[in-house]
Amino acid sequence: MGNRTASWVISFLSTPKMRGMNTESANRDPGARCPCLSGFAFGECCGPVLAGERAAPTAEALMRSRFTAFALGDRNHLLVSWHPDTRPDDLELDDAMRWYRLDVESTDGGSPFDTEGEVTFTAYYKSGSERGSLHERSRFTRYDGRWVYLDGVLG
C-alpha cells in the first residue's frame, strides 16, 4: 500500500491538470445543484459534509464530497477526509482548474454497514482551453467511525 499510495500522491499532486478548481466560479448556494451531480441540492448533498455538520454515510458519498471539495477548492475537507497514514502534509490546488462533471461507474462495499469500500469514477475538468478527465478506483476505509479516503489507482 505504501509505495502505491506514494506514487499516486506524487502523480496526482504533481500533475498540474489534477489539482483543483477556480474557486471564483464555485457555487456554495445550498439551493444550487450539487457539483457532484447527484441530482440533489448542495445543501442536501455535499454541503453539510464539507461543513462538518454530518459525516458521509457511505464511501460513495465521501467520494462525491471529495470531488465537490476539489470543485470548490476546499483543501480542508480534502485533508480531513484523507486517512492519516496516506494523507500528504499539505495540498496545493490549482485555481485555474475547473472540475465540472463526475461519473460514478461502480462501487464495491462502502455501505453504512461496511468497513471498507471502493468507488470507481471518472472526473472531468477544464483548464483554459484544455479539457480532460481523470479515471480512478479509490479505496475508502472507516477511521474513528467515519469514512476516509485511503488511496487510489489511476487508470
Protein backbone atom coordinates (compact mmCIF):
# COMPACT_ATOMS: atom_id res chain seq x y z
CA MET A 1 0.00 0.00 0.00
CA GLY A 2 2.75 2.49 0.89
CA ASN A 3 4.53 2.58 -2.49
CA ARG A 4 1.29 2.57 -4.47
CA THR A 5 -0.07 5.38 -2.31
CA ALA A 6 3.13 7.40 -2.50
CA SER A 7 3.32 7.10 -6.28
CA TRP A 8 -0.36 8.03 -6.65
CA VAL A 9 0.00 11.05 -4.37
CA ILE A 10 3.12 12.19 -6.22
CA SER A 11 1.41 11.65 -9.58
CA PHE A 12 -1.83 13.30 -8.53
CA LEU A 13 -0.33 16.28 -6.75
CA SER A 14 2.49 16.94 -9.21
CA THR A 15 0.31 16.91 -12.33
CA PRO A 16 -1.00 20.45 -12.81
CA LYS A 17 -4.17 19.28 -14.53
CA MET A 18 -5.28 17.34 -11.46
CA ARG A 19 -5.13 19.87 -8.67
CA GLY A 20 -8.29 21.86 -8.00
CA MET A 21 -10.66 24.46 -9.39
CA ASN A 22 -11.22 28.12 -9.93
CA THR A 23 -12.99 28.97 -6.69
CA GLU A 24 -14.38 32.23 -8.09
CA SER A 25 -16.91 30.25 -10.13
CA ALA A 26 -17.74 27.85 -7.29
CA ASN A 27 -21.32 27.95 -6.04
CA ARG A 28 -21.95 27.18 -2.36
CA ASP A 29 -25.61 28.20 -2.52
CA PRO A 30 -27.48 25.49 -0.54
CA GLY A 31 -30.27 25.53 -3.14
CA ALA A 32 -27.96 25.18 -6.16
CA ARG A 33 -27.31 21.85 -7.84
CA CYS A 34 -24.53 19.97 -6.06
CA PRO A 35 -21.26 19.92 -8.05
CA CYS A 36 -21.10 16.12 -7.67
CA LEU A 37 -24.16 15.87 -9.96
CA SER A 38 -26.05 13.57 -7.61
CA GLY A 39 -29.26 15.35 -8.56
CA PHE A 40 -29.64 16.83 -5.08
CA ALA A 41 -29.14 20.42 -3.98
CA PHE A 42 -25.76 21.29 -2.46
CA GLY A 43 -27.41 21.91 0.93
CA GLU A 44 -28.91 18.40 0.92
CA CYS A 45 -25.90 16.59 -0.53
CA CYS A 46 -22.24 17.52 -0.11
CA GLY A 47 -22.68 20.89 1.62
CA PRO A 48 -23.28 19.53 5.14
CA VAL A 49 -20.41 17.03 4.74
CA LEU A 50 -17.96 19.76 3.68
CA ALA A 51 -19.16 21.98 6.52
CA GLY A 52 -18.58 19.18 9.05
CA GLU A 53 -22.25 19.15 10.01
CA ARG A 54 -22.61 15.45 9.21
CA ALA A 55 -20.40 12.54 8.22
CA ALA A 56 -20.67 10.91 4.81
CA PRO A 57 -22.83 7.79 5.33
CA THR A 58 -21.15 5.77 2.53
CA ALA A 59 -17.85 5.58 0.70
CA GLU A 60 -19.59 6.89 -2.43
CA ALA A 61 -20.97 9.87 -0.50
CA LEU A 62 -17.47 10.66 0.78
CA MET A 63 -16.03 10.32 -2.73
CA ARG A 64 -18.72 12.70 -4.05
CA SER A 65 -17.91 15.17 -1.26
CA ARG A 66 -14.22 14.98 -2.15
CA PHE A 67 -15.00 15.69 -5.82
CA THR A 68 -17.10 18.65 -4.66
CA ALA A 69 -14.21 19.80 -2.45
CA PHE A 70 -11.90 19.77 -5.49
CA ALA A 71 -14.56 21.64 -7.48
CA LEU A 72 -14.90 24.26 -4.74
CA GLY A 73 -11.23 24.44 -3.76
CA ASP A 74 -11.89 23.17 -0.22
CA ARG A 75 -8.43 21.94 0.86
CA ASN A 76 -9.53 21.44 4.46
CA HIS A 77 -12.19 18.86 3.60
CA LEU A 78 -9.79 17.01 1.30
CA LEU A 79 -7.20 16.73 4.07
CA VAL A 80 -9.60 15.86 6.92
CA SER A 81 -11.30 13.19 4.80
CA TRP A 82 -7.94 11.56 3.94
CA HIS A 83 -6.64 8.68 6.08
CA PRO A 84 -3.79 9.98 8.29
CA ASP A 85 -1.45 7.16 7.15
CA THR A 86 -1.67 8.21 3.49
CA ARG A 87 -2.58 11.92 3.50
CA PRO A 88 0.04 14.48 2.49
CA ASP A 89 1.17 17.16 4.93
CA ASP A 90 -0.14 19.85 2.61
CA LEU A 91 -2.23 20.01 -0.54
CA GLU A 92 -1.79 22.56 -3.30
CA LEU A 93 -4.83 23.19 -5.50
CA ASP A 94 -4.60 24.82 -8.91
CA ASP A 95 -7.04 27.74 -9.05
CA ALA A 96 -7.09 27.53 -12.86
CA MET A 97 -8.74 24.09 -12.77
CA ARG A 98 -12.47 23.69 -13.12
CA TRP A 99 -13.85 20.26 -12.23
CA TYR A 100 -17.30 20.16 -13.79
CA ARG A 101 -18.57 16.57 -14.09
CA LEU A 102 -18.42 13.36 -12.09
CA ASP A 103 -19.46 9.94 -13.36
CA VAL A 104 -19.58 7.23 -10.68
CA GLU A 105 -19.09 3.98 -12.58
CA SER A 106 -19.17 1.39 -9.81
CA THR A 107 -18.99 0.80 -6.09
CA ASP A 108 -17.92 -2.22 -4.11
CA GLY A 109 -18.74 -2.28 -0.41
CA GLY A 110 -18.72 1.09 1.27
CA SER A 111 -22.26 0.90 2.68
CA PRO A 112 -23.17 2.23 6.14
CA PHE A 113 -22.58 -1.33 7.41
CA ASP A 114 -19.18 -1.93 5.73
CA THR A 115 -15.72 -1.05 6.97
CA GLU A 116 -14.08 -0.85 3.52
CA GLY A 117 -15.23 0.22 0.09
CA GLU A 118 -14.12 1.07 -3.43
CA VAL A 119 -15.54 3.63 -5.83
CA THR A 120 -14.57 3.79 -9.49
CA PHE A 121 -15.25 7.09 -11.21
CA THR A 122 -14.28 9.50 -13.96
CA ALA A 123 -13.98 13.21 -13.19
CA TYR A 124 -13.88 15.81 -15.97
CA TYR A 125 -12.01 19.10 -15.90
CA LYS A 126 -11.28 22.24 -17.90
CA SER A 127 -8.22 24.41 -17.63
CA GLY A 128 -8.24 27.28 -20.08
CA SER A 129 -8.88 25.67 -23.46
CA GLU A 130 -7.70 22.25 -22.27
CA ARG A 131 -10.23 19.57 -21.37
CA GLY A 132 -9.53 16.20 -19.87
CA SER A 133 -10.58 13.52 -17.46
CA LEU A 134 -9.25 11.53 -14.55
CA HIS A 135 -10.29 7.89 -14.13
CA GLU A 136 -9.67 6.37 -10.70
CA ARG A 137 -10.53 3.42 -8.50
CA SER A 138 -10.47 4.86 -4.97
CA ARG A 139 -10.28 2.87 -1.75
CA PHE A 140 -12.02 4.01 1.41
CA THR A 141 -11.99 2.71 4.96
CA ARG A 142 -13.50 3.59 8.32
CA TYR A 143 -11.27 5.53 10.67
CA ASP A 144 -12.57 6.62 14.07
CA GLY A 145 -16.05 5.60 12.92
CA ARG A 146 -16.18 7.70 9.76
CA TRP A 147 -15.35 7.08 6.11
CA VAL A 148 -11.95 8.33 4.92
CA TYR A 149 -10.13 8.17 1.60
CA LEU A 150 -7.25 5.68 1.76
CA ASP A 151 -5.70 5.68 -1.72
CA GLY A 152 -6.49 5.27 -5.36
CA VAL A 153 -5.27 3.79 -8.62
CA LEU A 154 -5.38 6.00 -11.68
CA GLY A 155 -6.35 4.28 -14.88
